[in-house]
């Protein structure tokens, strides 16, 4: 996955991350982030838009 895609998903609140300060690098809980990326990929393949994926993920959380 390209950095730009990961950044987009993070800024769209689709991938969980931890950040202690504003200037500190984001840290991703590895297992949760990988699982979420796989879910996003699967939902995109099924034809859902990012907005639809966001809603579906919010319902699961």
PDB file of N, CA and C in Angstrom:
ATOM      1  N   UNK A   1       0.844  -1.160   0.000  1.00  0.00           N
ATOM      2  CA  UNK A   1       0.000   0.000   0.000  1.00  0.00           C
ATOM      3  C   UNK A   1       0.895   1.230   0.000  1.00  0.00           C
ATOM      4  N   UNK A   2       0.518   2.195  -0.790  1.00  0.00           N
ATOM      5  CA  UNK A   2       1.302   3.420  -0.869  1.00  0.00           C
ATOM      6  C   UNK A   2       1.039   4.316   0.336  1.00  0.00           C
ATOM      7  N   UNK A   3       2.034   5.127   0.654  1.00  0.00           N
ATOM      8  CA  UNK A   3       1.931   6.038   1.794  1.00  0.00           C
ATOM      9  C   UNK A   3       0.718   6.961   1.657  1.00  0.00           C
ATOM     10  N   UNK A   4       0.491   7.481   0.463  1.00  0.00           N
ATOM     11  CA  UNK A   4      -0.632   8.398   0.243  1.00  0.00           C
ATOM     12  C   UNK A   4      -1.974   7.748   0.554  1.00  0.00           C
ATOM     13  N   UNK A   5      -2.099   6.470   0.218  1.00  0.00           N
ATOM     14  CA  UNK A   5      -3.342   5.748   0.502  1.00  0.00           C
ATOM     15  C   UNK A   5      -3.515   5.563   2.002  1.00  0.00           C
ATOM     16  N   UNK A   6      -2.455   5.166   2.675  1.00  0.00           N
ATOM     17  CA  UNK A   6      -2.502   4.997   4.125  1.00  0.00           C
ATOM     18  C   UNK A   6      -2.852   6.318   4.810  1.00  0.00           C
ATOM     19  N   UNK A   7      -2.251   7.396   4.364  1.00  0.00           N
ATOM     20  CA  UNK A   7      -2.526   8.721   4.930  1.00  0.00           C
ATOM     21  C   UNK A   7      -3.985   9.109   4.699  1.00  0.00           C
ATOM     22  N   UNK A   8      -4.494   8.859   3.495  1.00  0.00           N
ATOM     23  CA  UNK A   8      -5.890   9.181   3.183  1.00  0.00           C
ATOM     24  C   UNK A   8      -6.834   8.407   4.090  1.00  0.00           C
ATOM     25  N   UNK A   9      -6.607   7.108   4.234  1.00  0.00           N
ATOM     26  CA  UNK A   9      -7.465   6.293   5.094  1.00  0.00           C
ATOM     27  C   UNK A   9      -7.385   6.749   6.549  1.00  0.00           C
ATOM     28  N   UNK A  10      -6.206   7.120   6.993  1.00  0.00           N
ATOM     29  CA  UNK A  10      -6.043   7.594   8.362  1.00  0.00           C
ATOM     30  C   UNK A  10      -6.794   8.899   8.574  1.00  0.00           C
ATOM     31  N   UNK A  11      -6.634   9.835   7.646  1.00  0.00           N
ATOM     32  CA  UNK A  11      -7.304  11.131   7.767  1.00  0.00           C
ATOM     33  C   UNK A  11      -8.810  11.022   7.582  1.00  0.00           C
ATOM     34  N   UNK A  12      -9.262   9.941   6.964  1.00  0.00           N
ATOM     35  CA  UNK A  12     -10.696   9.692   6.801  1.00  0.00           C
ATOM     36  C   UNK A  12     -11.262   8.917   7.985  1.00  0.00           C
ATOM     37  N   UNK A  13     -10.443   8.723   9.007  1.00  0.00           N
ATOM     38  CA  UNK A  13     -10.826   7.986  10.224  1.00  0.00           C
ATOM     39  C   UNK A  13     -11.230   6.553   9.933  1.00  0.00           C
ATOM     40  N   UNK A  14     -10.556   5.936   8.981  1.00  0.00           N
ATOM     41  CA  UNK A  14     -10.834   4.548   8.657  1.00  0.00           C
ATOM     42  C   UNK A  14      -9.841   3.592   9.301  1.00  0.00           C
ATOM     43  N   UNK A  15      -8.648   4.089   9.638  1.00  0.00           N
ATOM     44  CA  UNK A  15      -7.616   3.252  10.245  1.00  0.00           C
ATOM     45  C   UNK A  15      -7.242   3.852  11.600  1.00  0.00           C
ATOM     46  N   UNK A  16      -7.281   3.028  12.660  1.00  0.00           N
ATOM     47  CA  UNK A  16      -6.941   3.541  13.988  1.00  0.00           C
ATOM     48  C   UNK A  16      -5.443   3.818  14.115  1.00  0.00           C
ATOM     49  N   UNK A  17      -5.109   4.867  14.859  1.00  0.00           N
ATOM     50  CA  UNK A  17      -3.708   5.174  15.123  1.00  0.00           C
ATOM     51  C   UNK A  17      -3.579   5.845  16.476  1.00  0.00           C
ATOM     52  N   UNK A  18      -2.355   5.899  16.968  1.00  0.00           N
ATOM     53  CA  UNK A  18      -2.039   6.564  18.235  1.00  0.00           C
ATOM     54  C   UNK A  18      -1.048   7.675  17.946  1.00  0.00           C
ATOM     55  N   UNK A  19      -1.238   8.814  18.588  1.00  0.00           N
ATOM     56  CA  UNK A  19      -0.311   9.937  18.397  1.00  0.00           C
ATOM     57  C   UNK A  19      -0.249  10.711  19.707  1.00  0.00           C
ATOM     58  N   UNK A  20       0.930  10.736  20.316  1.00  0.00           N
ATOM     59  CA  UNK A  20       1.070  11.377  21.619  1.00  0.00           C
ATOM     60  C   UNK A  20       1.066  12.899  21.514  1.00  0.00           C
ATOM     61  N   UNK A  21       1.776  13.443  20.551  1.00  0.00           N
ATOM     62  CA  UNK A  21       1.834  14.886  20.336  1.00  0.00           C
ATOM     63  C   UNK A  21       1.573  15.164  18.864  1.00  0.00           C
ATOM     64  N   UNK A  22       1.290  16.434  18.544  1.00  0.00           N
ATOM     65  CA  UNK A  22       1.016  16.799  17.159  1.00  0.00           C
ATOM     66  C   UNK A  22       2.211  16.547  16.246  1.00  0.00           C
ATOM     67  N   UNK A  23       3.412  16.743  16.735  1.00  0.00           N
ATOM     68  CA  UNK A  23       4.607  16.628  15.902  1.00  0.00           C
ATOM     69  C   UNK A  23       5.245  15.243  15.919  1.00  0.00           C
ATOM     70  N   UNK A  24       4.585  14.291  16.556  1.00  0.00           N
ATOM     71  CA  UNK A  24       5.129  12.944  16.671  1.00  0.00           C
ATOM     72  C   UNK A  24       4.515  12.065  15.576  1.00  0.00           C
ATOM     73  N   UNK A  25       5.303  11.151  15.087  1.00  0.00           N
ATOM     74  CA  UNK A  25       4.840  10.218  14.060  1.00  0.00           C
ATOM     75  C   UNK A  25       3.663   9.403  14.564  1.00  0.00           C
ATOM     76  N   UNK A  26       2.707   9.170  13.675  1.00  0.00           N
ATOM     77  CA  UNK A  26       1.570   8.322  14.032  1.00  0.00           C
ATOM     78  C   UNK A  26       2.036   6.883  14.171  1.00  0.00           C
ATOM     79  N   UNK A  27       1.482   6.209  15.158  1.00  0.00           N
ATOM     80  CA  UNK A  27       1.798   4.802  15.376  1.00  0.00           C
ATOM     81  C   UNK A  27       0.504   4.002  15.193  1.00  0.00           C
ATOM     82  N   UNK A  28       0.618   2.932  14.439  1.00  0.00           N
ATOM     83  CA  UNK A  28      -0.541   2.104  14.142  1.00  0.00           C
ATOM     84  C   UNK A  28      -0.456   0.792  14.912  1.00  0.00           C
ATOM     85  N   UNK A  29      -1.523   0.434  15.635  1.00  0.00           N
ATOM     86  CA  UNK A  29      -1.542  -0.894  16.249  1.00  0.00           C
ATOM     87  C   UNK A  29      -1.541  -1.915  15.103  1.00  0.00           C
ATOM     88  N   UNK A  30      -0.461  -2.627  14.947  1.00  0.00           N
ATOM     89  CA  UNK A  30      -0.215  -3.442  13.744  1.00  0.00           C
ATOM     90  C   UNK A  30      -1.382  -4.349  13.364  1.00  0.00           C
ATOM     91  N   UNK A  31      -1.828  -5.192  14.268  1.00  0.00           N
ATOM     92  CA  UNK A  31      -2.872  -6.157  13.923  1.00  0.00           C
ATOM     93  C   UNK A  31      -4.184  -5.466  13.560  1.00  0.00           C
ATOM     94  N   UNK A  32      -4.570  -4.466  14.327  1.00  0.00           N
ATOM     95  CA  UNK A  32      -5.822  -3.760  14.056  1.00  0.00           C
ATOM     96  C   UNK A  32      -5.746  -3.012  12.729  1.00  0.00           C
ATOM     97  N   UNK A  33      -4.610  -2.397  12.450  1.00  0.00           N
ATOM     98  CA  UNK A  33      -4.461  -1.628  11.208  1.00  0.00           C
ATOM     99  C   UNK A  33      -4.468  -2.545   9.990  1.00  0.00           C
ATOM    100  N   UNK A  34      -3.763  -3.663  10.070  1.00  0.00           N
ATOM    101  CA  UNK A  34      -3.731  -4.608   8.940  1.00  0.00           C
ATOM    102  C   UNK A  34      -5.117  -5.180   8.691  1.00  0.00           C
ATOM    103  N   UNK A  35      -5.808  -5.535   9.758  1.00  0.00           N
ATOM    104  CA  UNK A  35      -7.163  -6.068   9.630  1.00  0.00           C
ATOM    105  C   UNK A  35      -8.088  -5.026   8.991  1.00  0.00           C
ATOM    106  N   UNK A  36      -7.956  -3.778   9.419  1.00  0.00           N
ATOM    107  CA  UNK A  36      -8.807  -2.718   8.875  1.00  0.00           C
ATOM    108  C   UNK A  36      -8.524  -2.471   7.399  1.00  0.00           C
ATOM    109  N   UNK A  37      -7.253  -2.488   7.014  1.00  0.00           N
ATOM    110  CA  UNK A  37      -6.888  -2.298   5.604  1.00  0.00           C
ATOM    111  C   UNK A  37      -7.482  -3.422   4.757  1.00  0.00           C
ATOM    112  N   UNK A  38      -7.411  -4.639   5.235  1.00  0.00           N
ATOM    113  CA  UNK A  38      -7.990  -5.772   4.504  1.00  0.00           C
ATOM    114  C   UNK A  38      -9.502  -5.608   4.371  1.00  0.00           C
ATOM    115  N   UNK A  39     -10.154  -5.132   5.418  1.00  0.00           N
ATOM    116  CA  UNK A  39     -11.599  -4.882   5.362  1.00  0.00           C
ATOM    117  C   UNK A  39     -11.914  -3.810   4.330  1.00  0.00           C
ATOM    118  N   UNK A  40     -11.151  -2.731   4.343  1.00  0.00           N
ATOM    119  CA  UNK A  40     -11.361  -1.637   3.387  1.00  0.00           C
ATOM    120  C   UNK A  40     -11.191  -2.140   1.957  1.00  0.00           C
ATOM    121  N   UNK A  41     -10.126  -2.902   1.713  1.00  0.00           N
ATOM    122  CA  UNK A  41      -9.875  -3.445   0.373  1.00  0.00           C
ATOM    123  C   UNK A  41     -11.050  -4.307  -0.087  1.00  0.00           C
ATOM    124  N   UNK A  42     -11.525  -5.149   0.798  1.00  0.00           N
ATOM    125  CA  UNK A  42     -12.632  -6.037   0.466  1.00  0.00           C
ATOM    126  C   UNK A  42     -13.903  -5.245   0.146  1.00  0.00           C
ATOM    127  N   UNK A  43     -14.188  -4.245   0.955  1.00  0.00           N
ATOM    128  CA  UNK A  43     -15.389  -3.429   0.731  1.00  0.00           C
ATOM    129  C   UNK A  43     -15.276  -2.614  -0.554  1.00  0.00           C
ATOM    130  N   UNK A  44     -14.070  -2.126  -0.857  1.00  0.00           N
ATOM    131  CA  UNK A  44     -13.865  -1.394  -2.112  1.00  0.00           C
ATOM    132  C   UNK A  44     -14.087  -2.308  -3.311  1.00  0.00           C
ATOM    133  N   UNK A  45     -13.604  -3.551  -3.212  1.00  0.00           N
ATOM    134  CA  UNK A  45     -13.789  -4.513  -4.306  1.00  0.00           C
ATOM    135  C   UNK A  45     -15.264  -4.813  -4.533  1.00  0.00           C
ATOM    136  N   UNK A  46     -16.052  -4.741  -3.459  1.00  0.00           N
ATOM    137  CA  UNK A  46     -17.488  -5.011  -3.592  1.00  0.00           C
ATOM    138  C   UNK A  46     -18.247  -3.808  -4.143  1.00  0.00           C
ATOM    139  N   UNK A  47     -17.521  -2.699  -4.375  1.00  0.00           N
ATOM    140  CA  UNK A  47     -18.127  -1.550  -5.030  1.00  0.00           C
ATOM    141  C   UNK A  47     -18.567  -0.415  -4.124  1.00  0.00           C
ATOM    142  N   UNK A  48     -18.264  -0.495  -2.836  1.00  0.00           N
ATOM    143  CA  UNK A  48     -18.668   0.572  -1.925  1.00  0.00           C
ATOM    144  C   UNK A  48     -17.739   1.779  -2.054  1.00  0.00           C
ATOM    145  N   UNK A  49     -18.302   2.965  -1.838  1.00  0.00           N
ATOM    146  CA  UNK A  49     -17.512   4.192  -1.840  1.00  0.00           C
ATOM    147  C   UNK A  49     -16.854   4.365  -0.472  1.00  0.00           C
ATOM    148  N   UNK A  50     -15.929   5.301  -0.377  1.00  0.00           N
ATOM    149  CA  UNK A  50     -15.261   5.568   0.906  1.00  0.00           C
ATOM    150  C   UNK A  50     -16.296   6.001   1.951  1.00  0.00           C
ATOM    151  N   UNK A  51     -17.248   6.832   1.562  1.00  0.00           N
ATOM    152  CA  UNK A  51     -18.290   7.275   2.505  1.00  0.00           C
ATOM    153  C   UNK A  51     -19.100   6.076   3.009  1.00  0.00           C
ATOM    154  N   UNK A  52     -19.440   5.157   2.123  1.00  0.00           N
ATOM    155  CA  UNK A  52     -20.202   3.965   2.518  1.00  0.00           C
ATOM    156  C   UNK A  52     -19.361   3.062   3.420  1.00  0.00           C
ATOM    157  N   UNK A  53     -18.081   2.942   3.102  1.00  0.00           N
ATOM    158  CA  UNK A  53     -17.177   2.134   3.926  1.00  0.00           C
ATOM    159  C   UNK A  53     -17.059   2.748   5.317  1.00  0.00           C
ATOM    160  N   UNK A  54     -16.925   4.067   5.389  1.00  0.00           N
ATOM    161  CA  UNK A  54     -16.823   4.755   6.679  1.00  0.00           C
ATOM    162  C   UNK A  54     -18.057   4.457   7.534  1.00  0.00           C
ATOM    163  N   UNK A  55     -19.244   4.532   6.933  1.00  0.00           N
ATOM    164  CA  UNK A  55     -20.484   4.259   7.672  1.00  0.00           C
ATOM    165  C   UNK A  55     -20.528   2.811   8.153  1.00  0.00           C
ATOM    166  N   UNK A  56     -20.143   1.897   7.278  1.00  0.00           N
ATOM    167  CA  UNK A  56     -20.178   0.468   7.629  1.00  0.00           C
ATOM    168  C   UNK A  56     -19.205   0.173   8.776  1.00  0.00           C
ATOM    169  N   UNK A  57     -18.013   0.751   8.720  1.00  0.00           N
ATOM    170  CA  UNK A  57     -17.028   0.533   9.774  1.00  0.00           C
ATOM    171  C   UNK A  57     -17.484   1.171  11.084  1.00  0.00           C
ATOM    172  N   UNK A  58     -18.110   2.329  11.011  1.00  0.00           N
ATOM    173  CA  UNK A  58     -18.595   3.000  12.222  1.00  0.00           C
ATOM    174  C   UNK A  58     -19.658   2.154  12.908  1.00  0.00           C
ATOM    175  N   UNK A  59     -20.485   1.472  12.132  1.00  0.00           N
ATOM    176  CA  UNK A  59     -21.523   0.608  12.714  1.00  0.00           C
ATOM    177  C   UNK A  59     -20.912  -0.596  13.420  1.00  0.00           C
ATOM    178  N   UNK A  60     -19.763  -1.081  12.900  1.00  0.00           N
ATOM    179  CA  UNK A  60     -19.107  -2.254  13.476  1.00  0.00           C
ATOM    180  C   UNK A  60     -18.365  -1.916  14.764  1.00  0.00           C
ATOM    181  N   UNK A  61     -17.989  -0.666  14.939  1.00  0.00           N
ATOM    182  CA  UNK A  61     -17.195  -0.279  16.119  1.00  0.00           C
ATOM    183  C   UNK A  61     -18.034  -0.060  17.340  1.00  0.00           C
TER     184      UNK A  61
END
